[in-house]
Amino acid sequence: MVAKEKMKLKSKGLTDEIYMDVPRDELNETVNGYYRLIGGENKNYDKETSRRLRAFGEELYRKRSYEKFTAFKADHDDMIIGNHLRLFSFCEHHLLPFFGEVAIGYIPNNKIFGLSKFQRLVDKVSSKPQLQERLTYQILEEIKNRLEPKGVGVVIKAIHTCVFARGTQSTSAEFTTSAVDGIFKENHNTKQEFFSIINSDGRLRL
């Protein structure tokens, strides 16, 4: 069974870096254990749940593995901003989702991305257990390493279900993290231009 599962994963371009090479019965037992931990009753457990979870894991792995970040020559150095980019990840402390939006801005230094790559990059870095603070800097570093821009800024606004559903159970808290580098850090006016544009509508959209 394990060999058959590995062959199936290989045909999808996946590797056993993810928890997909275990026997189907073993994965089902693990998922069922979590189902019971959160109050589910065995009589109501659907074995298709483990298949759905496995498929979700494959989808996340494809996002993490994406590498088609083709860069194009640019003949300008005006700020480029991607705003209201969708964010979905998991808090690595509680394995509960957090979600929200990302804004990315950069000033080209002879190279630019296709606009769709903003979302691809966010998905690549966020499709695993994360900390919002670290995620913010990882997105910034991805832009720096791939484009070598004159400057870059990243802002994340997110709602954490580990805060919403447990502990303090705050229903209104949202968390903002930011990171800047290059001319965004060195020039106050450039930094303020970026923050002014991404906050022009005044609220987080979910």
N, C-alpha and C. Protein backbone atom coordinates (compact mmCIF):
# COMPACT_ATOMS: atom_id res chain seq x y z
N MET A 1 0.83 -1.21 0.00
CA MET A 1 0.00 0.00 0.00
C MET A 1 0.86 1.26 0.00
N VAL A 2 1.93 1.26 0.83
CA VAL A 2 2.78 2.44 0.90
C VAL A 2 3.43 2.71 -0.44
N ALA A 3 3.96 1.64 -1.10
CA ALA A 3 4.61 1.81 -2.39
C ALA A 3 3.64 2.39 -3.41
N LYS A 4 2.39 1.90 -3.39
CA LYS A 4 1.38 2.40 -4.32
C LYS A 4 1.10 3.88 -4.08
N GLU A 5 1.00 4.27 -2.80
CA GLU A 5 0.76 5.68 -2.46
C GLU A 5 1.92 6.55 -2.93
N LYS A 6 3.17 6.07 -2.75
CA LYS A 6 4.33 6.85 -3.18
C LYS A 6 4.34 7.03 -4.69
N MET A 7 3.96 5.98 -5.44
CA MET A 7 3.91 6.09 -6.89
C MET A 7 2.88 7.13 -7.30
N LYS A 8 1.74 7.14 -6.61
CA LYS A 8 0.69 8.10 -6.92
C LYS A 8 1.19 9.52 -6.66
N LEU A 9 1.89 9.72 -5.54
CA LEU A 9 2.43 11.04 -5.22
C LEU A 9 3.47 11.47 -6.24
N LYS A 10 4.34 10.54 -6.65
CA LYS A 10 5.38 10.86 -7.62
C LYS A 10 4.77 11.30 -8.94
N SER A 11 3.66 10.68 -9.34
CA SER A 11 3.00 11.05 -10.59
C SER A 11 2.42 12.46 -10.53
N LYS A 12 2.19 12.96 -9.30
CA LYS A 12 1.67 14.31 -9.11
C LYS A 12 2.80 15.32 -8.90
N GLY A 13 4.04 14.85 -8.97
CA GLY A 13 5.17 15.74 -8.76
C GLY A 13 5.43 16.03 -7.30
N LEU A 14 4.92 15.19 -6.40
CA LEU A 14 5.09 15.39 -4.97
C LEU A 14 6.13 14.40 -4.43
N THR A 15 6.70 14.71 -3.28
CA THR A 15 7.66 13.81 -2.66
C THR A 15 7.21 13.51 -1.25
N ASP A 16 7.90 12.58 -0.60
CA ASP A 16 7.50 12.23 0.76
C ASP A 16 8.06 13.23 1.78
N GLU A 17 8.42 14.44 1.32
CA GLU A 17 8.75 15.51 2.26
C GLU A 17 7.54 15.84 3.10
N ILE A 18 6.36 15.59 2.56
CA ILE A 18 5.13 15.81 3.30
C ILE A 18 4.63 14.48 3.87
N TYR A 19 3.68 14.58 4.77
CA TYR A 19 3.19 13.40 5.48
C TYR A 19 2.18 12.67 4.59
N MET A 20 2.68 12.14 3.46
CA MET A 20 1.80 11.50 2.51
C MET A 20 2.23 10.07 2.19
N ASP A 21 3.38 9.66 2.73
CA ASP A 21 3.87 8.33 2.39
C ASP A 21 3.49 7.29 3.44
N VAL A 22 2.65 7.69 4.39
CA VAL A 22 2.19 6.72 5.40
C VAL A 22 1.03 5.91 4.82
N PRO A 23 0.82 4.70 5.33
CA PRO A 23 -0.32 3.91 4.86
C PRO A 23 -1.63 4.66 5.08
N ARG A 24 -2.57 4.45 4.21
CA ARG A 24 -3.84 5.16 4.29
C ARG A 24 -4.53 4.91 5.64
N ASP A 25 -4.45 3.66 6.14
CA ASP A 25 -5.10 3.35 7.41
C ASP A 25 -4.45 4.11 8.56
N GLU A 26 -3.13 4.28 8.51
CA GLU A 26 -2.43 4.99 9.59
C GLU A 26 -2.81 6.47 9.59
N LEU A 27 -2.90 7.08 8.40
CA LEU A 27 -3.32 8.48 8.32
C LEU A 27 -4.75 8.62 8.81
N ASN A 28 -5.61 7.67 8.42
CA ASN A 28 -6.99 7.72 8.86
C ASN A 28 -7.10 7.64 10.38
N GLU A 29 -6.24 6.82 10.99
CA GLU A 29 -6.24 6.68 12.45
C GLU A 29 -5.80 7.99 13.11
N THR A 30 -4.80 8.65 12.53
CA THR A 30 -4.32 9.92 13.08
C THR A 30 -5.41 11.00 13.00
N VAL A 31 -6.05 11.08 11.84
CA VAL A 31 -7.10 12.07 11.66
C VAL A 31 -8.28 11.77 12.59
N ASN A 32 -8.62 10.49 12.71
CA ASN A 32 -9.71 10.10 13.60
C ASN A 32 -9.39 10.45 15.05
N GLY A 33 -8.12 10.29 15.44
CA GLY A 33 -7.71 10.66 16.80
C GLY A 33 -7.93 12.13 17.07
N TYR A 34 -7.59 12.99 16.08
CA TYR A 34 -7.80 14.42 16.25
C TYR A 34 -9.31 14.73 16.28
N TYR A 35 -10.06 14.04 15.45
CA TYR A 35 -11.51 14.21 15.41
C TYR A 35 -12.12 13.96 16.78
N ARG A 36 -11.66 12.88 17.45
CA ARG A 36 -12.17 12.56 18.78
C ARG A 36 -11.65 13.54 19.84
N LEU A 37 -10.43 14.03 19.65
CA LEU A 37 -9.85 14.99 20.59
C LEU A 37 -10.70 16.25 20.68
N ILE A 38 -11.26 16.68 19.56
CA ILE A 38 -12.06 17.92 19.57
C ILE A 38 -13.56 17.64 19.77
N GLY A 39 -13.88 16.41 20.20
CA GLY A 39 -15.25 16.12 20.61
C GLY A 39 -16.08 15.32 19.64
N GLY A 40 -15.49 14.90 18.51
CA GLY A 40 -16.25 14.11 17.55
C GLY A 40 -16.54 12.71 18.06
N GLU A 41 -17.64 12.14 17.61
CA GLU A 41 -18.02 10.79 18.01
C GLU A 41 -17.71 9.81 16.87
N ASN A 42 -17.16 8.68 17.26
CA ASN A 42 -16.74 7.68 16.26
C ASN A 42 -17.85 7.34 15.28
N LYS A 43 -19.07 7.24 15.79
CA LYS A 43 -20.19 6.82 14.94
C LYS A 43 -20.46 7.84 13.83
N ASN A 44 -19.99 9.08 14.02
CA ASN A 44 -20.22 10.12 13.02
C ASN A 44 -19.00 10.37 12.13
N TYR A 45 -17.90 9.67 12.39
CA TYR A 45 -16.66 9.92 11.65
C TYR A 45 -16.76 9.38 10.23
N ASP A 46 -16.43 10.21 9.27
CA ASP A 46 -16.45 9.84 7.86
C ASP A 46 -15.01 9.57 7.41
N LYS A 47 -14.71 8.35 6.96
CA LYS A 47 -13.34 8.02 6.57
C LYS A 47 -12.87 8.83 5.36
N GLU A 48 -13.78 9.43 4.63
CA GLU A 48 -13.39 10.29 3.53
C GLU A 48 -12.68 11.55 4.04
N THR A 49 -12.84 11.84 5.33
CA THR A 49 -12.19 13.02 5.91
C THR A 49 -10.68 12.95 5.75
N SER A 50 -10.08 11.78 5.98
CA SER A 50 -8.62 11.66 5.84
C SER A 50 -8.19 11.84 4.38
N ARG A 51 -9.02 11.38 3.44
CA ARG A 51 -8.70 11.58 2.02
C ARG A 51 -8.73 13.07 1.68
N ARG A 52 -9.74 13.76 2.21
CA ARG A 52 -9.84 15.20 1.96
C ARG A 52 -8.64 15.95 2.55
N LEU A 53 -8.22 15.52 3.75
CA LEU A 53 -7.08 16.17 4.39
C LEU A 53 -5.81 15.91 3.61
N ARG A 54 -5.65 14.69 3.11
CA ARG A 54 -4.49 14.37 2.29
C ARG A 54 -4.47 15.25 1.03
N ALA A 55 -5.62 15.41 0.39
CA ALA A 55 -5.71 16.23 -0.82
C ALA A 55 -5.36 17.69 -0.51
N PHE A 56 -5.79 18.16 0.66
CA PHE A 56 -5.46 19.53 1.07
C PHE A 56 -3.95 19.66 1.29
N GLY A 57 -3.34 18.64 1.90
CA GLY A 57 -1.89 18.65 2.09
C GLY A 57 -1.14 18.71 0.76
N GLU A 58 -1.63 17.97 -0.23
CA GLU A 58 -1.01 18.01 -1.56
C GLU A 58 -1.13 19.39 -2.18
N GLU A 59 -2.28 20.01 -2.00
CA GLU A 59 -2.49 21.36 -2.54
C GLU A 59 -1.52 22.36 -1.91
N LEU A 60 -1.35 22.28 -0.59
CA LEU A 60 -0.42 23.17 0.10
C LEU A 60 1.01 22.92 -0.36
N TYR A 61 1.35 21.66 -0.58
CA TYR A 61 2.71 21.34 -1.02
C TYR A 61 2.99 21.92 -2.40
N ARG A 62 2.01 21.86 -3.29
CA ARG A 62 2.19 22.44 -4.63
C ARG A 62 2.45 23.95 -4.53
N LYS A 63 1.75 24.61 -3.62
CA LYS A 63 1.97 26.05 -3.44
C LYS A 63 3.38 26.31 -2.91
N ARG A 64 3.84 25.51 -1.94
CA ARG A 64 5.18 25.69 -1.39
C ARG A 64 6.26 25.43 -2.42
N SER A 65 5.96 24.56 -3.39
CA SER A 65 6.97 24.14 -4.36
C SER A 65 7.03 25.04 -5.60
N TYR A 66 6.13 25.99 -5.72
CA TYR A 66 6.06 26.83 -6.92
C TYR A 66 7.36 27.62 -7.09
N GLU A 67 7.91 27.61 -8.30
CA GLU A 67 9.18 28.31 -8.53
C GLU A 67 9.22 29.10 -9.85
N LYS A 68 8.08 29.26 -10.52
CA LYS A 68 8.09 29.94 -11.82
C LYS A 68 7.99 31.46 -11.65
N PHE A 69 8.96 32.01 -10.92
CA PHE A 69 8.95 33.45 -10.67
C PHE A 69 9.82 34.17 -11.70
N THR A 70 9.34 34.16 -12.94
CA THR A 70 10.10 34.77 -14.03
C THR A 70 10.17 36.28 -13.83
N ALA A 71 11.36 36.82 -13.97
CA ALA A 71 11.56 38.27 -13.85
C ALA A 71 11.74 38.87 -15.24
N PHE A 72 11.27 40.11 -15.39
CA PHE A 72 11.36 40.82 -16.66
C PHE A 72 12.18 42.09 -16.49
N LYS A 73 12.80 42.52 -17.57
CA LYS A 73 13.59 43.74 -17.52
C LYS A 73 12.67 44.94 -17.35
N ALA A 74 13.05 45.86 -16.48
CA ALA A 74 12.25 47.06 -16.24
C ALA A 74 13.09 48.29 -16.56
N ASP A 75 12.44 49.29 -17.18
CA ASP A 75 13.15 50.53 -17.52
C ASP A 75 12.63 51.70 -16.70
N HIS A 76 12.05 51.40 -15.52
CA HIS A 76 11.56 52.46 -14.65
C HIS A 76 11.84 52.08 -13.20
N ASP A 77 11.73 53.06 -12.32
CA ASP A 77 11.95 52.77 -10.90
C ASP A 77 10.83 53.35 -10.05
N ASP A 78 9.61 53.31 -10.60
CA ASP A 78 8.45 53.75 -9.83
C ASP A 78 7.95 52.59 -8.96
N MET A 79 7.35 52.94 -7.83
CA MET A 79 6.89 51.94 -6.87
C MET A 79 5.80 51.04 -7.47
N ILE A 80 5.90 49.76 -7.21
CA ILE A 80 4.90 48.78 -7.63
C ILE A 80 4.33 48.16 -6.36
N ILE A 81 3.00 48.13 -6.27
CA ILE A 81 2.35 47.65 -5.05
C ILE A 81 1.29 46.61 -5.39
N GLY A 82 1.32 45.51 -4.65
CA GLY A 82 0.24 44.54 -4.67
C GLY A 82 -0.47 44.63 -3.32
N ASN A 83 -1.75 44.96 -3.34
CA ASN A 83 -2.49 45.17 -2.10
C ASN A 83 -3.66 44.20 -2.00
N HIS A 84 -4.13 43.94 -0.79
CA HIS A 84 -5.25 43.03 -0.53
C HIS A 84 -4.99 41.64 -1.10
N LEU A 85 -3.74 41.17 -0.97
CA LEU A 85 -3.40 39.81 -1.38
C LEU A 85 -3.90 38.84 -0.31
N ARG A 86 -4.52 37.77 -0.74
CA ARG A 86 -5.12 36.81 0.20
C ARG A 86 -4.03 36.08 0.99
N LEU A 87 -4.27 35.93 2.29
CA LEU A 87 -3.35 35.18 3.15
C LEU A 87 -4.12 34.10 3.90
N PHE A 88 -3.59 32.88 3.85
CA PHE A 88 -4.11 31.79 4.69
C PHE A 88 -2.93 30.97 5.15
N SER A 89 -2.84 30.77 6.47
CA SER A 89 -1.75 29.97 7.01
C SER A 89 -2.22 29.33 8.31
N PHE A 90 -1.28 28.65 8.98
CA PHE A 90 -1.58 28.00 10.25
C PHE A 90 -0.61 28.50 11.31
N CYS A 91 -1.14 28.85 12.46
CA CYS A 91 -0.30 29.19 13.61
C CYS A 91 0.47 27.93 14.03
N GLU A 92 1.79 28.00 14.06
CA GLU A 92 2.56 26.80 14.37
C GLU A 92 2.49 26.42 15.86
N HIS A 93 1.99 27.33 16.69
CA HIS A 93 1.86 27.01 18.11
C HIS A 93 0.61 26.19 18.41
N HIS A 94 -0.48 26.44 17.68
CA HIS A 94 -1.75 25.77 17.98
C HIS A 94 -2.31 24.99 16.80
N LEU A 95 -1.67 25.10 15.63
CA LEU A 95 -2.14 24.45 14.40
C LEU A 95 -3.56 24.88 14.06
N LEU A 96 -3.88 26.13 14.37
CA LEU A 96 -5.16 26.72 13.98
C LEU A 96 -4.90 27.77 12.91
N PRO A 97 -5.87 27.99 12.02
CA PRO A 97 -5.63 28.92 10.92
C PRO A 97 -5.53 30.38 11.37
N PHE A 98 -4.75 31.15 10.61
CA PHE A 98 -4.88 32.60 10.64
C PHE A 98 -4.97 33.07 9.20
N PHE A 99 -5.69 34.15 9.00
CA PHE A 99 -5.98 34.58 7.64
C PHE A 99 -6.13 36.10 7.59
N GLY A 100 -5.97 36.65 6.41
CA GLY A 100 -6.08 38.10 6.27
C GLY A 100 -5.57 38.55 4.93
N GLU A 101 -4.79 39.65 4.95
CA GLU A 101 -4.33 40.25 3.71
C GLU A 101 -2.87 40.68 3.83
N VAL A 102 -2.23 40.72 2.68
CA VAL A 102 -0.83 41.14 2.59
C VAL A 102 -0.73 42.29 1.59
N ALA A 103 0.10 43.27 1.90
CA ALA A 103 0.47 44.32 0.95
C ALA A 103 1.97 44.23 0.72
N ILE A 104 2.38 44.24 -0.53
CA ILE A 104 3.79 44.20 -0.90
C ILE A 104 4.08 45.37 -1.83
N GLY A 105 5.11 46.12 -1.54
CA GLY A 105 5.54 47.19 -2.42
C GLY A 105 7.04 47.11 -2.65
N TYR A 106 7.47 47.41 -3.86
CA TYR A 106 8.92 47.45 -4.11
C TYR A 106 9.23 48.46 -5.22
N ILE A 107 10.45 48.93 -5.21
CA ILE A 107 10.95 49.83 -6.25
C ILE A 107 11.95 49.06 -7.08
N PRO A 108 11.66 48.86 -8.37
CA PRO A 108 12.50 47.98 -9.19
C PRO A 108 13.93 48.50 -9.35
N ASN A 109 14.80 47.55 -9.55
CA ASN A 109 16.19 47.84 -9.89
C ASN A 109 16.52 47.02 -11.13
N ASN A 110 15.86 47.37 -12.24
CA ASN A 110 16.02 46.73 -13.55
C ASN A 110 15.24 45.43 -13.72
N LYS A 111 14.57 44.92 -12.65
CA LYS A 111 13.81 43.68 -12.78
C LYS A 111 12.45 43.82 -12.09
N ILE A 112 11.42 43.21 -12.72
CA ILE A 112 10.08 43.18 -12.13
C ILE A 112 9.49 41.77 -12.28
N PHE A 113 8.48 41.48 -11.45
CA PHE A 113 7.68 40.27 -11.55
C PHE A 113 6.47 40.52 -12.44
N GLY A 114 5.88 39.43 -12.97
CA GLY A 114 4.52 39.51 -13.45
C GLY A 114 3.61 39.73 -12.24
N LEU A 115 2.51 40.44 -12.41
CA LEU A 115 1.68 40.83 -11.27
C LEU A 115 1.09 39.64 -10.52
N SER A 116 0.82 38.55 -11.22
CA SER A 116 0.24 37.37 -10.55
C SER A 116 1.22 36.75 -9.55
N LYS A 117 2.50 37.07 -9.67
CA LYS A 117 3.50 36.45 -8.80
C LYS A 117 3.43 36.98 -7.37
N PHE A 118 2.81 38.14 -7.17
CA PHE A 118 2.60 38.62 -5.81
C PHE A 118 1.85 37.57 -4.99
N GLN A 119 0.72 37.11 -5.53
CA GLN A 119 -0.09 36.12 -4.80
C GLN A 119 0.63 34.78 -4.71
N ARG A 120 1.29 34.38 -5.79
CA ARG A 120 2.03 33.12 -5.78
C ARG A 120 3.09 33.11 -4.68
N LEU A 121 3.75 34.23 -4.50
CA LEU A 121 4.81 34.32 -3.51
C LEU A 121 4.24 34.23 -2.09
N VAL A 122 3.13 34.93 -1.86
CA VAL A 122 2.47 34.86 -0.55
C VAL A 122 2.07 33.42 -0.26
N ASP A 123 1.46 32.75 -1.23
CA ASP A 123 1.02 31.36 -1.05
C ASP A 123 2.21 30.44 -0.77
N LYS A 124 3.31 30.65 -1.48
CA LYS A 124 4.49 29.79 -1.33
C LYS A 124 5.01 29.82 0.11
N VAL A 125 5.09 31.01 0.69
CA VAL A 125 5.70 31.15 2.01
C VAL A 125 4.72 30.83 3.14
N SER A 126 3.43 31.01 2.87
CA SER A 126 2.43 30.85 3.95
C SER A 126 1.81 29.46 4.02
N SER A 127 2.09 28.59 3.06
CA SER A 127 1.41 27.30 2.99
C SER A 127 2.06 26.23 3.86
N LYS A 128 2.32 26.60 5.11
CA LYS A 128 2.85 25.69 6.12
C LYS A 128 2.66 26.36 7.47
N PRO A 129 2.80 25.64 8.58
CA PRO A 129 2.70 26.30 9.88
C PRO A 129 3.70 27.46 9.99
N GLN A 130 3.21 28.60 10.50
CA GLN A 130 4.00 29.82 10.47
C GLN A 130 3.76 30.67 11.71
N LEU A 131 4.60 31.67 11.87
CA LEU A 131 4.37 32.79 12.76
C LEU A 131 4.20 34.02 11.88
N GLN A 132 3.22 34.85 12.16
CA GLN A 132 2.98 36.01 11.32
C GLN A 132 4.21 36.91 11.26
N GLU A 133 4.89 37.07 12.40
CA GLU A 133 6.05 37.94 12.44
C GLU A 133 7.15 37.44 11.49
N ARG A 134 7.41 36.13 11.53
CA ARG A 134 8.44 35.54 10.68
C ARG A 134 8.01 35.55 9.21
N LEU A 135 6.75 35.27 8.99
CA LEU A 135 6.21 35.25 7.63
C LEU A 135 6.42 36.60 6.93
N THR A 136 6.23 37.69 7.66
CA THR A 136 6.39 39.02 7.10
C THR A 136 7.81 39.20 6.55
N TYR A 137 8.79 38.81 7.33
CA TYR A 137 10.19 38.95 6.90
C TYR A 137 10.55 37.96 5.80
N GLN A 138 9.95 36.79 5.81
CA GLN A 138 10.25 35.82 4.76
C GLN A 138 9.75 36.29 3.39
N ILE A 139 8.58 36.92 3.37
CA ILE A 139 8.08 37.48 2.12
C ILE A 139 9.03 38.58 1.63
N LEU A 140 9.46 39.44 2.55
CA LEU A 140 10.40 40.50 2.19
C LEU A 140 11.69 39.91 1.63
N GLU A 141 12.22 38.87 2.26
CA GLU A 141 13.47 38.26 1.80
C GLU A 141 13.31 37.61 0.43
N GLU A 142 12.15 37.01 0.18
CA GLU A 142 11.89 36.42 -1.14
C GLU A 142 11.96 37.49 -2.23
N ILE A 143 11.34 38.63 -1.99
CA ILE A 143 11.39 39.73 -2.96
C ILE A 143 12.83 40.20 -3.15
N LYS A 144 13.54 40.41 -2.05
CA LYS A 144 14.93 40.87 -2.12
C LYS A 144 15.80 39.90 -2.92
N ASN A 145 15.71 38.62 -2.62
CA ASN A 145 16.58 37.64 -3.25
C ASN A 145 16.26 37.42 -4.72
N ARG A 146 15.00 37.56 -5.09
CA ARG A 146 14.61 37.27 -6.47
C ARG A 146 14.72 38.49 -7.39
N LEU A 147 14.52 39.69 -6.85
CA LEU A 147 14.49 40.89 -7.69
C LEU A 147 15.61 41.88 -7.41
N GLU A 148 16.22 41.79 -6.24
CA GLU A 148 17.25 42.76 -5.82
C GLU A 148 16.77 44.20 -6.04
N PRO A 149 15.60 44.56 -5.48
CA PRO A 149 15.03 45.89 -5.71
C PRO A 149 15.78 46.96 -4.93
N LYS A 150 15.48 48.21 -5.27
CA LYS A 150 16.07 49.32 -4.54
C LYS A 150 15.47 49.42 -3.13
N GLY A 151 14.27 48.93 -2.98
CA GLY A 151 13.62 48.93 -1.68
C GLY A 151 12.38 48.06 -1.72
N VAL A 152 11.96 47.57 -0.55
CA VAL A 152 10.78 46.71 -0.48
C VAL A 152 10.11 46.88 0.87
N GLY A 153 8.78 46.80 0.87
CA GLY A 153 8.01 46.86 2.10
C GLY A 153 6.92 45.80 2.09
N VAL A 154 6.63 45.22 3.25
CA VAL A 154 5.60 44.20 3.39
C VAL A 154 4.78 44.49 4.63
N VAL A 155 3.46 44.43 4.50
CA VAL A 155 2.56 44.58 5.64
C VAL A 155 1.56 43.43 5.63
N ILE A 156 1.37 42.82 6.78
CA ILE A 156 0.36 41.76 6.92
C ILE A 156 -0.63 42.17 8.00
N LYS A 157 -1.92 42.05 7.66
CA LYS A 157 -2.99 42.22 8.65
C LYS A 157 -3.76 40.90 8.69
N ALA A 158 -3.91 40.34 9.89
CA ALA A 158 -4.51 39.01 9.96
C ALA A 158 -5.34 38.83 11.23
N ILE A 159 -6.27 37.91 11.14
CA ILE A 159 -7.07 37.45 12.27
C ILE A 159 -6.62 36.02 12.59
N HIS A 160 -6.36 35.76 13.86
CA HIS A 160 -5.86 34.46 14.30
C HIS A 160 -6.97 33.72 15.04
N THR A 161 -7.33 32.55 14.53
CA THR A 161 -8.40 31.80 15.19
C THR A 161 -7.96 31.23 16.53
N CYS A 162 -6.62 31.16 16.77
CA CYS A 162 -6.17 30.72 18.09
C CYS A 162 -6.46 31.78 19.15
N VAL A 163 -6.64 33.03 18.73
CA VAL A 163 -7.05 34.10 19.64
C VAL A 163 -8.58 34.19 19.69
N PHE A 164 -9.20 33.98 18.54
CA PHE A 164 -10.66 34.08 18.42
C PHE A 164 -11.37 32.95 19.17
N ALA A 165 -10.84 31.72 19.07
CA ALA A 165 -11.58 30.54 19.54
C ALA A 165 -11.11 30.01 20.89
N ARG A 166 -9.96 30.45 21.37
CA ARG A 166 -9.44 29.90 22.62
C ARG A 166 -8.81 31.05 23.42
N GLY A 167 -8.41 30.74 24.65
CA GLY A 167 -7.72 31.73 25.46
C GLY A 167 -8.58 32.96 25.71
N THR A 168 -8.11 34.12 25.25
CA THR A 168 -8.83 35.38 25.47
C THR A 168 -10.11 35.46 24.67
N GLN A 169 -10.22 34.68 23.60
CA GLN A 169 -11.42 34.63 22.75
C GLN A 169 -11.85 36.03 22.31
N SER A 170 -10.90 36.79 21.83
CA SER A 170 -11.20 38.12 21.31
C SER A 170 -11.80 38.00 19.92
N THR A 171 -12.99 38.57 19.74
CA THR A 171 -13.69 38.45 18.46
C THR A 171 -13.37 39.61 17.51
N SER A 172 -12.64 40.59 17.98
CA SER A 172 -12.40 41.78 17.14
C SER A 172 -10.92 42.05 16.89
N ALA A 173 -10.04 41.29 17.51
CA ALA A 173 -8.60 41.57 17.39
C ALA A 173 -8.07 41.20 16.01
N GLU A 174 -7.33 42.13 15.40
CA GLU A 174 -6.57 41.83 14.21
C GLU A 174 -5.14 42.30 14.46
N PHE A 175 -4.18 41.63 13.82
CA PHE A 175 -2.78 41.86 14.13
C PHE A 175 -2.05 42.32 12.87
N THR A 176 -1.24 43.35 13.03
CA THR A 176 -0.50 43.93 11.91
C THR A 176 0.99 43.81 12.14
N THR A 177 1.70 43.30 11.15
CA THR A 177 3.16 43.25 11.18
C THR A 177 3.69 43.89 9.91
N SER A 178 4.86 44.48 10.00
CA SER A 178 5.44 45.13 8.82
C SER A 178 6.95 44.94 8.81
N ALA A 179 7.52 45.00 7.62
CA ALA A 179 8.97 44.93 7.45
C ALA A 179 9.33 45.77 6.23
N VAL A 180 10.42 46.52 6.34
CA VAL A 180 10.89 47.35 5.22
C VAL A 180 12.39 47.18 5.06
N ASP A 181 12.87 47.45 3.85
CA ASP A 181 14.30 47.34 3.58
C ASP A 181 14.67 48.30 2.45
N GLY A 182 15.95 48.62 2.37
CA GLY A 182 16.44 49.49 1.30
C GLY A 182 15.92 50.90 1.45
N ILE A 183 15.51 51.49 0.33
CA ILE A 183 15.07 52.88 0.34
C ILE A 183 13.80 53.07 1.17
N PHE A 184 13.02 52.00 1.37
CA PHE A 184 11.83 52.09 2.24
C PHE A 184 12.25 52.35 3.68
N LYS A 185 13.39 51.84 4.07
CA LYS A 185 13.89 52.04 5.43
C LYS A 185 14.69 53.35 5.53
N GLU A 186 15.40 53.68 4.46
CA GLU A 186 16.30 54.84 4.49
C GLU A 186 15.60 56.17 4.25
N ASN A 187 14.49 56.13 3.49
CA ASN A 187 13.83 57.38 3.11
C ASN A 187 12.42 57.40 3.71
N HIS A 188 12.19 58.31 4.65
CA HIS A 188 10.91 58.38 5.34
C HIS A 188 9.76 58.64 4.37
N ASN A 189 9.98 59.50 3.38
CA ASN A 189 8.91 59.83 2.43
C ASN A 189 8.50 58.62 1.60
N THR A 190 9.46 57.82 1.21
CA THR A 190 9.14 56.61 0.43
C THR A 190 8.32 55.63 1.27
N LYS A 191 8.74 55.45 2.51
CA LYS A 191 8.01 54.57 3.42
C LYS A 191 6.59 55.07 3.63
N GLN A 192 6.42 56.37 3.84
CA GLN A 192 5.10 56.93 4.07
C GLN A 192 4.22 56.84 2.83
N GLU A 193 4.80 56.99 1.65
CA GLU A 193 4.04 56.83 0.41
C GLU A 193 3.45 55.43 0.32
N PHE A 194 4.27 54.43 0.63
CA PHE A 194 3.82 53.04 0.61
C PHE A 194 2.67 52.82 1.60
N PHE A 195 2.84 53.24 2.84
CA PHE A 195 1.80 53.04 3.85
C PHE A 195 0.53 53.83 3.52
N SER A 196 0.69 54.99 2.94
CA SER A 196 -0.47 55.80 2.59
C SER A 196 -1.30 55.13 1.51
N ILE A 197 -0.66 54.57 0.50
CA ILE A 197 -1.38 53.91 -0.60
C ILE A 197 -2.10 52.66 -0.11
N ILE A 198 -1.43 51.83 0.67
CA ILE A 198 -2.06 50.56 1.05
C ILE A 198 -3.17 50.76 2.08
N ASN A 199 -3.16 51.90 2.77
CA ASN A 199 -4.20 52.16 3.77
C ASN A 199 -5.25 53.14 3.29
N SER A 200 -5.27 53.42 2.00
CA SER A 200 -6.16 54.46 1.48
C SER A 200 -7.63 54.14 1.67
N ASP A 201 -8.00 52.82 1.74
CA ASP A 201 -9.41 52.48 1.95
C ASP A 201 -9.73 52.31 3.44
N GLY A 202 -8.70 52.39 4.27
CA GLY A 202 -8.93 52.51 5.72
C GLY A 202 -9.27 51.25 6.47
N ARG A 203 -9.32 50.08 5.83
CA ARG A 203 -9.68 48.90 6.60
C ARG A 203 -9.19 47.62 5.95
N LEU A 204 -9.11 46.61 6.77
CA LEU A 204 -8.80 45.26 6.31
C LEU A 204 -10.04 44.65 5.68
N ARG A 205 -9.91 44.11 4.49
CA ARG A 205 -11.05 43.48 3.82
C ARG A 205 -10.89 41.96 3.92
N LEU A 206 -11.91 41.29 4.44
CA LEU A 206 -11.86 39.83 4.55
C LEU A 206 -13.02 39.22 3.78
